[in-house]
């Protein structure tokens, strides 16, 4: 299980790194929001699940689970709020 946890940690870090690269690379605010959303939800979720698998159900694993649930609920809300703000202000590509 330790190797599986390390693979998940690595995949999460790769997704987060690609998200950061996409934030620098793309010009459109809406494409940046999409890249940030995928990196936020996908990368962070993979990283935290990998941490839970790697660490086990001790204190660190429990805290990672609470943080994962919090991010799964608040990440899409934050992305939606930023997208709506950009739409209301009529920010174009």
PDB file of N, CA and C in Angstrom:
ATOM      1  N   UNK A   1       0.819  -1.204   0.000  1.00  0.00           N
ATOM      2  CA  UNK A   1       0.000   0.000   0.000  1.00  0.00           C
ATOM      3  C   UNK A   1       0.861   1.264   0.000  1.00  0.00           C
ATOM      4  N   UNK A   2       2.054   1.139   0.536  1.00  0.00           N
ATOM      5  CA  UNK A   2       2.921   2.311   0.595  1.00  0.00           C
ATOM      6  C   UNK A   2       3.299   2.794  -0.808  1.00  0.00           C
ATOM      7  N   UNK A   3       3.577   1.864  -1.707  1.00  0.00           N
ATOM      8  CA  UNK A   3       3.943   2.243  -3.073  1.00  0.00           C
ATOM      9  C   UNK A   3       2.748   2.874  -3.785  1.00  0.00           C
ATOM     10  N   UNK A   4       1.546   2.325  -3.577  1.00  0.00           N
ATOM     11  CA  UNK A   4       0.340   2.891  -4.176  1.00  0.00           C
ATOM     12  C   UNK A   4       0.116   4.317  -3.671  1.00  0.00           C
ATOM     13  N   UNK A   5       0.353   4.548  -2.382  1.00  0.00           N
ATOM     14  CA  UNK A   5       0.231   5.895  -1.828  1.00  0.00           C
ATOM     15  C   UNK A   5       1.240   6.852  -2.436  1.00  0.00           C
ATOM     16  N   UNK A   6       2.464   6.370  -2.642  1.00  0.00           N
ATOM     17  CA  UNK A   6       3.488   7.222  -3.246  1.00  0.00           C
ATOM     18  C   UNK A   6       3.152   7.558  -4.695  1.00  0.00           C
ATOM     19  N   UNK A   7       2.568   6.599  -5.422  1.00  0.00           N
ATOM     20  CA  UNK A   7       2.155   6.863  -6.805  1.00  0.00           C
ATOM     21  C   UNK A   7       1.059   7.927  -6.832  1.00  0.00           C
ATOM     22  N   UNK A   8       0.088   7.825  -5.922  1.00  0.00           N
ATOM     23  CA  UNK A   8      -0.980   8.830  -5.858  1.00  0.00           C
ATOM     24  C   UNK A   8      -0.428  10.204  -5.482  1.00  0.00           C
ATOM     25  N   UNK A   9       0.509  10.237  -4.543  1.00  0.00           N
ATOM     26  CA  UNK A   9       1.147  11.506  -4.180  1.00  0.00           C
ATOM     27  C   UNK A   9       1.847  12.125  -5.390  1.00  0.00           C
ATOM     28  N   UNK A  10       2.575  11.296  -6.125  1.00  0.00           N
ATOM     29  CA  UNK A  10       3.297  11.788  -7.298  1.00  0.00           C
ATOM     30  C   UNK A  10       2.338  12.287  -8.373  1.00  0.00           C
ATOM     31  N   UNK A  11       1.269  11.532  -8.650  1.00  0.00           N
ATOM     32  CA  UNK A  11       0.297  11.958  -9.657  1.00  0.00           C
ATOM     33  C   UNK A  11      -0.389  13.265  -9.256  1.00  0.00           C
ATOM     34  N   UNK A  12      -0.679  13.413  -7.966  1.00  0.00           N
ATOM     35  CA  UNK A  12      -1.261  14.662  -7.489  1.00  0.00           C
ATOM     36  C   UNK A  12      -0.323  15.838  -7.681  1.00  0.00           C
ATOM     37  N   UNK A  13       0.950  15.626  -7.380  1.00  0.00           N
ATOM     38  CA  UNK A  13       1.924  16.701  -7.571  1.00  0.00           C
ATOM     39  C   UNK A  13       2.092  17.054  -9.045  1.00  0.00           C
ATOM     40  N   UNK A  14       2.060  16.039  -9.918  1.00  0.00           N
ATOM     41  CA  UNK A  14       2.164  16.306 -11.356  1.00  0.00           C
ATOM     42  C   UNK A  14       0.971  17.133 -11.826  1.00  0.00           C
ATOM     43  N   UNK A  15      -0.231  16.770 -11.379  1.00  0.00           N
ATOM     44  CA  UNK A  15      -1.421  17.526 -11.772  1.00  0.00           C
ATOM     45  C   UNK A  15      -1.358  18.960 -11.254  1.00  0.00           C
ATOM     46  N   UNK A  16      -0.899  19.144 -10.028  1.00  0.00           N
ATOM     47  CA  UNK A  16      -0.766  20.499  -9.485  1.00  0.00           C
ATOM     48  C   UNK A  16       0.277  21.305 -10.254  1.00  0.00           C
ATOM     49  N   UNK A  17       1.374  20.656 -10.620  1.00  0.00           N
ATOM     50  CA  UNK A  17       2.411  21.339 -11.391  1.00  0.00           C
ATOM     51  C   UNK A  17       1.893  21.733 -12.769  1.00  0.00           C
ATOM     52  N   UNK A  18       1.167  20.819 -13.422  1.00  0.00           N
ATOM     53  CA  UNK A  18       0.590  21.136 -14.731  1.00  0.00           C
ATOM     54  C   UNK A  18      -0.448  22.257 -14.627  1.00  0.00           C
ATOM     55  N   UNK A  19      -1.181  22.294 -13.536  1.00  0.00           N
ATOM     56  CA  UNK A  19      -2.130  23.381 -13.322  1.00  0.00           C
ATOM     57  C   UNK A  19      -1.431  24.720 -13.178  1.00  0.00           C
ATOM     58  N   UNK A  20      -0.338  24.738 -12.452  1.00  0.00           N
ATOM     59  CA  UNK A  20       0.441  25.972 -12.332  1.00  0.00           C
ATOM     60  C   UNK A  20       1.032  26.406 -13.662  1.00  0.00           C
ATOM     61  N   UNK A  21       1.497  25.447 -14.437  1.00  0.00           N
ATOM     62  CA  UNK A  21       2.016  25.748 -15.766  1.00  0.00           C
ATOM     63  C   UNK A  21       0.913  26.291 -16.668  1.00  0.00           C
ATOM     64  N   UNK A  22      -0.272  25.723 -16.578  1.00  0.00           N
ATOM     65  CA  UNK A  22      -1.402  26.199 -17.370  1.00  0.00           C
ATOM     66  C   UNK A  22      -1.834  27.600 -16.975  1.00  0.00           C
ATOM     67  N   UNK A  23      -1.728  27.923 -15.695  1.00  0.00           N
ATOM     68  CA  UNK A  23      -2.085  29.274 -15.250  1.00  0.00           C
ATOM     69  C   UNK A  23      -1.137  30.316 -15.847  1.00  0.00           C
ATOM     70  N   UNK A  24       0.113  29.943 -16.032  1.00  0.00           N
ATOM     71  CA  UNK A  24       1.079  30.863 -16.628  1.00  0.00           C
ATOM     72  C   UNK A  24       0.926  30.893 -18.149  1.00  0.00           C
ATOM     73  N   UNK A  25       0.631  29.756 -18.734  1.00  0.00           N
ATOM     74  CA  UNK A  25       0.617  29.612 -20.193  1.00  0.00           C
ATOM     75  C   UNK A  25      -0.603  30.233 -20.865  1.00  0.00           C
ATOM     76  N   UNK A  26      -1.796  30.017 -20.317  1.00  0.00           N
ATOM     77  CA  UNK A  26      -3.016  30.445 -20.985  1.00  0.00           C
ATOM     78  C   UNK A  26      -3.330  31.903 -20.674  1.00  0.00           C
ATOM     79  N   UNK A  27      -3.935  32.584 -21.652  1.00  0.00           N
ATOM     80  CA  UNK A  27      -4.247  34.002 -21.513  1.00  0.00           C
ATOM     81  C   UNK A  27      -5.683  34.254 -21.070  1.00  0.00           C
ATOM     82  N   UNK A  28      -6.608  33.437 -21.532  1.00  0.00           N
ATOM     83  CA  UNK A  28      -8.024  33.658 -21.255  1.00  0.00           C
ATOM     84  C   UNK A  28      -8.342  33.381 -19.784  1.00  0.00           C
ATOM     85  N   UNK A  29      -9.077  34.263 -19.131  1.00  0.00           N
ATOM     86  CA  UNK A  29      -9.410  34.019 -17.726  1.00  0.00           C
ATOM     87  C   UNK A  29     -10.306  32.797 -17.534  1.00  0.00           C
ATOM     88  N   UNK A  30     -11.124  32.484 -18.521  1.00  0.00           N
ATOM     89  CA  UNK A  30     -12.017  31.336 -18.386  1.00  0.00           C
ATOM     90  C   UNK A  30     -11.261  30.015 -18.539  1.00  0.00           C
ATOM     91  N   UNK A  31     -10.280  29.991 -19.417  1.00  0.00           N
ATOM     92  CA  UNK A  31      -9.443  28.796 -19.545  1.00  0.00           C
ATOM     93  C   UNK A  31      -8.591  28.637 -18.291  1.00  0.00           C
ATOM     94  N   UNK A  32      -8.119  29.738 -17.758  1.00  0.00           N
ATOM     95  CA  UNK A  32      -7.357  29.675 -16.510  1.00  0.00           C
ATOM     96  C   UNK A  32      -8.208  29.134 -15.364  1.00  0.00           C
ATOM     97  N   UNK A  33      -9.472  29.525 -15.333  1.00  0.00           N
ATOM     98  CA  UNK A  33     -10.375  28.992 -14.310  1.00  0.00           C
ATOM     99  C   UNK A  33     -10.547  27.487 -14.453  1.00  0.00           C
ATOM    100  N   UNK A  34     -10.657  27.017 -15.687  1.00  0.00           N
ATOM    101  CA  UNK A  34     -10.803  25.587 -15.907  1.00  0.00           C
ATOM    102  C   UNK A  34      -9.551  24.841 -15.459  1.00  0.00           C
ATOM    103  N   UNK A  35      -8.392  25.368 -15.818  1.00  0.00           N
ATOM    104  CA  UNK A  35      -7.138  24.731 -15.431  1.00  0.00           C
ATOM    105  C   UNK A  35      -6.982  24.749 -13.913  1.00  0.00           C
ATOM    106  N   UNK A  36      -7.316  25.864 -13.302  1.00  0.00           N
ATOM    107  CA  UNK A  36      -7.204  25.963 -11.845  1.00  0.00           C
ATOM    108  C   UNK A  36      -8.173  25.017 -11.151  1.00  0.00           C
ATOM    109  N   UNK A  37      -9.366  24.863 -11.697  1.00  0.00           N
ATOM    110  CA  UNK A  37     -10.337  23.950 -11.103  1.00  0.00           C
ATOM    111  C   UNK A  37      -9.891  22.508 -11.167  1.00  0.00           C
ATOM    112  N   UNK A  38      -9.347  22.105 -12.308  1.00  0.00           N
ATOM    113  CA  UNK A  38      -8.859  20.727 -12.448  1.00  0.00           C
ATOM    114  C   UNK A  38      -7.673  20.491 -11.519  1.00  0.00           C
ATOM    115  N   UNK A  39      -6.762  21.447 -11.464  1.00  0.00           N
ATOM    116  CA  UNK A  39      -5.605  21.293 -10.591  1.00  0.00           C
ATOM    117  C   UNK A  39      -6.021  21.293  -9.127  1.00  0.00           C
ATOM    118  N   UNK A  40      -6.962  22.158  -8.787  1.00  0.00           N
ATOM    119  CA  UNK A  40      -7.407  22.263  -7.402  1.00  0.00           C
ATOM    120  C   UNK A  40      -8.103  20.985  -6.949  1.00  0.00           C
ATOM    121  N   UNK A  41      -9.092  20.554  -7.698  1.00  0.00           N
ATOM    122  CA  UNK A  41      -9.861  19.383  -7.293  1.00  0.00           C
ATOM    123  C   UNK A  41      -9.089  18.098  -7.567  1.00  0.00           C
ATOM    124  N   UNK A  42      -8.584  17.948  -8.786  1.00  0.00           N
ATOM    125  CA  UNK A  42      -7.914  16.703  -9.156  1.00  0.00           C
ATOM    126  C   UNK A  42      -6.585  16.501  -8.457  1.00  0.00           C
ATOM    127  N   UNK A  43      -5.720  17.495  -8.561  1.00  0.00           N
ATOM    128  CA  UNK A  43      -4.383  17.360  -7.989  1.00  0.00           C
ATOM    129  C   UNK A  43      -4.379  17.278  -6.480  1.00  0.00           C
ATOM    130  N   UNK A  44      -5.120  18.149  -5.847  1.00  0.00           N
ATOM    131  CA  UNK A  44      -5.165  18.145  -4.389  1.00  0.00           C
ATOM    132  C   UNK A  44      -5.850  16.896  -3.864  1.00  0.00           C
ATOM    133  N   UNK A  45      -6.902  16.447  -4.550  1.00  0.00           N
ATOM    134  CA  UNK A  45      -7.592  15.229  -4.119  1.00  0.00           C
ATOM    135  C   UNK A  45      -6.683  14.017  -4.236  1.00  0.00           C
ATOM    136  N   UNK A  46      -5.994  13.890  -5.369  1.00  0.00           N
ATOM    137  CA  UNK A  46      -5.068  12.768  -5.521  1.00  0.00           C
ATOM    138  C   UNK A  46      -3.969  12.819  -4.469  1.00  0.00           C
ATOM    139  N   UNK A  47      -3.449  14.006  -4.221  1.00  0.00           N
ATOM    140  CA  UNK A  47      -2.387  14.143  -3.228  1.00  0.00           C
ATOM    141  C   UNK A  47      -2.876  13.746  -1.836  1.00  0.00           C
ATOM    142  N   UNK A  48      -4.056  14.218  -1.456  1.00  0.00           N
ATOM    143  CA  UNK A  48      -4.560  13.914  -0.116  1.00  0.00           C
ATOM    144  C   UNK A  48      -4.968  12.451   0.023  1.00  0.00           C
ATOM    145  N   UNK A  49      -5.542  11.858  -1.023  1.00  0.00           N
ATOM    146  CA  UNK A  49      -5.858  10.424  -0.971  1.00  0.00           C
ATOM    147  C   UNK A  49      -4.567   9.618  -0.883  1.00  0.00           C
ATOM    148  N   UNK A  50      -3.544  10.031  -1.628  1.00  0.00           N
ATOM    149  CA  UNK A  50      -2.246   9.372  -1.518  1.00  0.00           C
ATOM    150  C   UNK A  50      -1.657   9.495  -0.129  1.00  0.00           C
ATOM    151  N   UNK A  51      -1.835  10.641   0.502  1.00  0.00           N
ATOM    152  CA  UNK A  51      -1.357  10.827   1.872  1.00  0.00           C
ATOM    153  C   UNK A  51      -2.105   9.928   2.843  1.00  0.00           C
ATOM    154  N   UNK A  52      -3.422   9.791   2.639  1.00  0.00           N
ATOM    155  CA  UNK A  52      -4.215   8.918   3.504  1.00  0.00           C
ATOM    156  C   UNK A  52      -3.769   7.471   3.338  1.00  0.00           C
ATOM    157  N   UNK A  53      -3.567   7.033   2.095  1.00  0.00           N
ATOM    158  CA  UNK A  53      -3.134   5.652   1.846  1.00  0.00           C
ATOM    159  C   UNK A  53      -1.730   5.438   2.388  1.00  0.00           C
ATOM    160  N   UNK A  54      -0.857   6.394   2.192  1.00  0.00           N
ATOM    161  CA  UNK A  54       0.536   6.257   2.610  1.00  0.00           C
ATOM    162  C   UNK A  54       0.683   6.305   4.130  1.00  0.00           C
ATOM    163  N   UNK A  55      -0.051   7.194   4.771  1.00  0.00           N
ATOM    164  CA  UNK A  55       0.082   7.407   6.212  1.00  0.00           C
ATOM    165  C   UNK A  55      -0.792   6.463   7.026  1.00  0.00           C
ATOM    166  N   UNK A  56      -1.935   6.071   6.501  1.00  0.00           N
ATOM    167  CA  UNK A  56      -2.853   5.230   7.263  1.00  0.00           C
ATOM    168  C   UNK A  56      -3.862   6.086   8.015  1.00  0.00           C
ATOM    169  N   UNK A  57      -4.658   5.425   8.839  1.00  0.00           N
ATOM    170  CA  UNK A  57      -5.740   6.121   9.548  1.00  0.00           C
ATOM    171  C   UNK A  57      -5.291   6.648  10.905  1.00  0.00           C
ATOM    172  N   UNK A  58      -4.120   7.200  10.955  1.00  0.00           N
ATOM    173  CA  UNK A  58      -3.675   7.840  12.185  1.00  0.00           C
ATOM    174  C   UNK A  58      -4.145   9.291  12.160  1.00  0.00           C
ATOM    175  N   UNK A  59      -3.566  10.108  12.985  1.00  0.00           N
ATOM    176  CA  UNK A  59      -4.007  11.507  13.076  1.00  0.00           C
ATOM    177  C   UNK A  59      -3.826  12.244  11.747  1.00  0.00           C
ATOM    178  N   UNK A  60      -2.726  11.997  11.065  1.00  0.00           N
ATOM    179  CA  UNK A  60      -2.478  12.686   9.799  1.00  0.00           C
ATOM    180  C   UNK A  60      -3.481  12.272   8.734  1.00  0.00           C
ATOM    181  N   UNK A  61      -3.806  10.991   8.660  1.00  0.00           N
ATOM    182  CA  UNK A  61      -4.782  10.514   7.684  1.00  0.00           C
ATOM    183  C   UNK A  61      -6.166  11.077   7.940  1.00  0.00           C
ATOM    184  N   UNK A  62      -6.552  11.176   9.205  1.00  0.00           N
ATOM    185  CA  UNK A  62      -7.853  11.749   9.541  1.00  0.00           C
ATOM    186  C   UNK A  62      -7.944  13.219   9.191  1.00  0.00           C
ATOM    187  N   UNK A  63      -6.874  13.954   9.481  1.00  0.00           N
ATOM    188  CA  UNK A  63      -6.857  15.376   9.124  1.00  0.00           C
ATOM    189  C   UNK A  63      -6.866  15.568   7.609  1.00  0.00           C
ATOM    190  N   UNK A  64      -6.164  14.701   6.899  1.00  0.00           N
ATOM    191  CA  UNK A  64      -6.167  14.789   5.439  1.00  0.00           C
ATOM    192  C   UNK A  64      -7.558  14.507   4.886  1.00  0.00           C
ATOM    193  N   UNK A  65      -8.290  13.582   5.496  1.00  0.00           N
ATOM    194  CA  UNK A  65      -9.652  13.289   5.047  1.00  0.00           C
ATOM    195  C   UNK A  65     -10.578  14.480   5.283  1.00  0.00           C
ATOM    196  N   UNK A  66     -10.461  15.114   6.436  1.00  0.00           N
ATOM    197  CA  UNK A  66     -11.275  16.301   6.724  1.00  0.00           C
ATOM    198  C   UNK A  66     -10.938  17.420   5.738  1.00  0.00           C
ATOM    199  N   UNK A  67      -9.660  17.618   5.475  1.00  0.00           N
ATOM    200  CA  UNK A  67      -9.241  18.643   4.521  1.00  0.00           C
ATOM    201  C   UNK A  67      -9.733  18.318   3.112  1.00  0.00           C
ATOM    202  N   UNK A  68      -9.688  17.047   2.727  1.00  0.00           N
ATOM    203  CA  UNK A  68     -10.179  16.634   1.416  1.00  0.00           C
ATOM    204  C   UNK A  68     -11.668  16.922   1.268  1.00  0.00           C
ATOM    205  N   UNK A  69     -12.449  16.592   2.273  1.00  0.00           N
ATOM    206  CA  UNK A  69     -13.886  16.860   2.212  1.00  0.00           C
ATOM    207  C   UNK A  69     -14.170  18.358   2.145  1.00  0.00           C
ATOM    208  N   UNK A  70     -13.423  19.135   2.919  1.00  0.00           N
ATOM    209  CA  UNK A  70     -13.592  20.588   2.887  1.00  0.00           C
ATOM    210  C   UNK A  70     -13.280  21.152   1.502  1.00  0.00           C
ATOM    211  N   UNK A  71     -12.185  20.694   0.905  1.00  0.00           N
ATOM    212  CA  UNK A  71     -11.802  21.193  -0.418  1.00  0.00           C
ATOM    213  C   UNK A  71     -12.762  20.734  -1.506  1.00  0.00           C
ATOM    214  N   UNK A  72     -13.320  19.535  -1.363  1.00  0.00           N
ATOM    215  CA  UNK A  72     -14.280  19.056  -2.358  1.00  0.00           C
ATOM    216  C   UNK A  72     -15.562  19.880  -2.342  1.00  0.00           C
ATOM    217  N   UNK A  73     -15.915  20.433  -1.194  1.00  0.00           N
ATOM    218  CA  UNK A  73     -17.114  21.269  -1.118  1.00  0.00           C
ATOM    219  C   UNK A  73     -16.838  22.723  -1.487  1.00  0.00           C
ATOM    220  N   UNK A  74     -15.695  23.255  -1.097  1.00  0.00           N
ATOM    221  CA  UNK A  74     -15.444  24.679  -1.302  1.00  0.00           C
ATOM    222  C   UNK A  74     -14.758  25.008  -2.623  1.00  0.00           C
ATOM    223  N   UNK A  75     -14.027  24.070  -3.214  1.00  0.00           N
ATOM    224  CA  UNK A  75     -13.328  24.331  -4.474  1.00  0.00           C
ATOM    225  C   UNK A  75     -14.253  24.731  -5.610  1.00  0.00           C
ATOM    226  N   UNK A  76     -15.291  23.945  -5.894  1.00  0.00           N
ATOM    227  CA  UNK A  76     -16.215  24.342  -6.965  1.00  0.00           C
ATOM    228  C   UNK A  76     -16.965  25.638  -6.653  1.00  0.00           C
ATOM    229  N   UNK A  77     -17.256  25.885  -5.390  1.00  0.00           N
ATOM    230  CA  UNK A  77     -17.936  27.133  -5.027  1.00  0.00           C
ATOM    231  C   UNK A  77     -17.053  28.343  -5.314  1.00  0.00           C
ATOM    232  N   UNK A  78     -15.781  28.236  -4.993  1.00  0.00           N
ATOM    233  CA  UNK A  78     -14.865  29.345  -5.248  1.00  0.00           C
ATOM    234  C   UNK A  78     -14.678  29.568  -6.744  1.00  0.00           C
ATOM    235  N   UNK A  79     -14.551  28.484  -7.504  1.00  0.00           N
ATOM    236  CA  UNK A  79     -14.411  28.616  -8.955  1.00  0.00           C
ATOM    237  C   UNK A  79     -15.648  29.259  -9.566  1.00  0.00           C
ATOM    238  N   UNK A  80     -16.815  28.855  -9.099  1.00  0.00           N
ATOM    239  CA  UNK A  80     -18.059  29.436  -9.601  1.00  0.00           C
ATOM    240  C   UNK A  80     -18.145  30.922  -9.257  1.00  0.00           C
ATOM    241  N   UNK A  81     -17.747  31.296  -8.053  1.00  0.00           N
ATOM    242  CA  UNK A  81     -17.811  32.702  -7.646  1.00  0.00           C
ATOM    243  C   UNK A  81     -16.890  33.564  -8.503  1.00  0.00           C
ATOM    244  N   UNK A  82     -15.697  33.078  -8.785  1.00  0.00           N
ATOM    245  CA  UNK A  82     -14.766  33.843  -9.616  1.00  0.00           C
ATOM    246  C   UNK A  82     -15.275  33.932 -11.052  1.00  0.00           C
ATOM    247  N   UNK A  83     -15.818  32.835 -11.581  1.00  0.00           N
ATOM    248  CA  UNK A  83     -16.350  32.849 -12.951  1.00  0.00           C
ATOM    249  C   UNK A  83     -17.547  33.787 -13.070  1.00  0.00           C
ATOM    250  N   UNK A  84     -18.413  33.773 -12.080  1.00  0.00           N
ATOM    251  CA  UNK A  84     -19.574  34.666 -12.119  1.00  0.00           C
ATOM    252  C   UNK A  84     -19.137  36.125 -12.030  1.00  0.00           C
ATOM    253  N   UNK A  85     -18.145  36.399 -11.208  1.00  0.00           N
ATOM    254  CA  UNK A  85     -17.636  37.763 -11.099  1.00  0.00           C
ATOM    255  C   UNK A  85     -17.040  38.227 -12.427  1.00  0.00           C
ATOM    256  N   UNK A  86     -16.303  37.350 -13.101  1.00  0.00           N
ATOM    257  CA  UNK A  86     -15.734  37.704 -14.403  1.00  0.00           C
ATOM    258  C   UNK A  86     -16.834  37.909 -15.435  1.00  0.00           C
ATOM    259  N   UNK A  87     -17.890  37.107 -15.368  1.00  0.00           N
ATOM    260  CA  UNK A  87     -18.996  37.243 -16.315  1.00  0.00           C
ATOM    261  C   UNK A  87     -19.767  38.539 -16.081  1.00  0.00           C
ATOM    262  N   UNK A  88     -20.025  38.871 -14.820  1.00  0.00           N
ATOM    263  CA  UNK A  88     -20.769  40.092 -14.495  1.00  0.00           C
ATOM    264  C   UNK A  88     -19.978  41.330 -14.906  1.00  0.00           C
ATOM    265  N   UNK A  89     -18.679  41.287 -14.730  1.00  0.00           N
ATOM    266  CA  UNK A  89     -17.835  42.426 -15.124  1.00  0.00           C
ATOM    267  C   UNK A  89     -17.554  42.449 -16.626  1.00  0.00           C
ATOM    268  N   UNK A  90     -18.080  41.482 -17.327  1.00  0.00           N
ATOM    269  CA  UNK A  90     -17.938  41.356 -18.784  1.00  0.00           C
ATOM    270  C   UNK A  90     -16.475  41.273 -19.219  1.00  0.00           C
ATOM    271  N   UNK A  91     -15.718  40.483 -18.505  1.00  0.00           N
ATOM    272  CA  UNK A  91     -14.328  40.245 -18.888  1.00  0.00           C
ATOM    273  C   UNK A  91     -14.331  39.266 -20.055  1.00  0.00           C
ATOM    274  N   UNK A  92     -13.714  39.647 -21.138  1.00  0.00           N
ATOM    275  CA  UNK A  92     -13.688  38.832 -22.357  1.00  0.00           C
ATOM    276  C   UNK A  92     -12.339  38.141 -22.497  1.00  0.00           C
ATOM    277  N   UNK A  93     -12.333  37.191 -23.415  1.00  0.00           N
ATOM    278  CA  UNK A  93     -11.103  36.418 -23.650  1.00  0.00           C
ATOM    279  C   UNK A  93     -10.005  37.257 -24.225  1.00  0.00           C
TER     280      UNK A  93
END
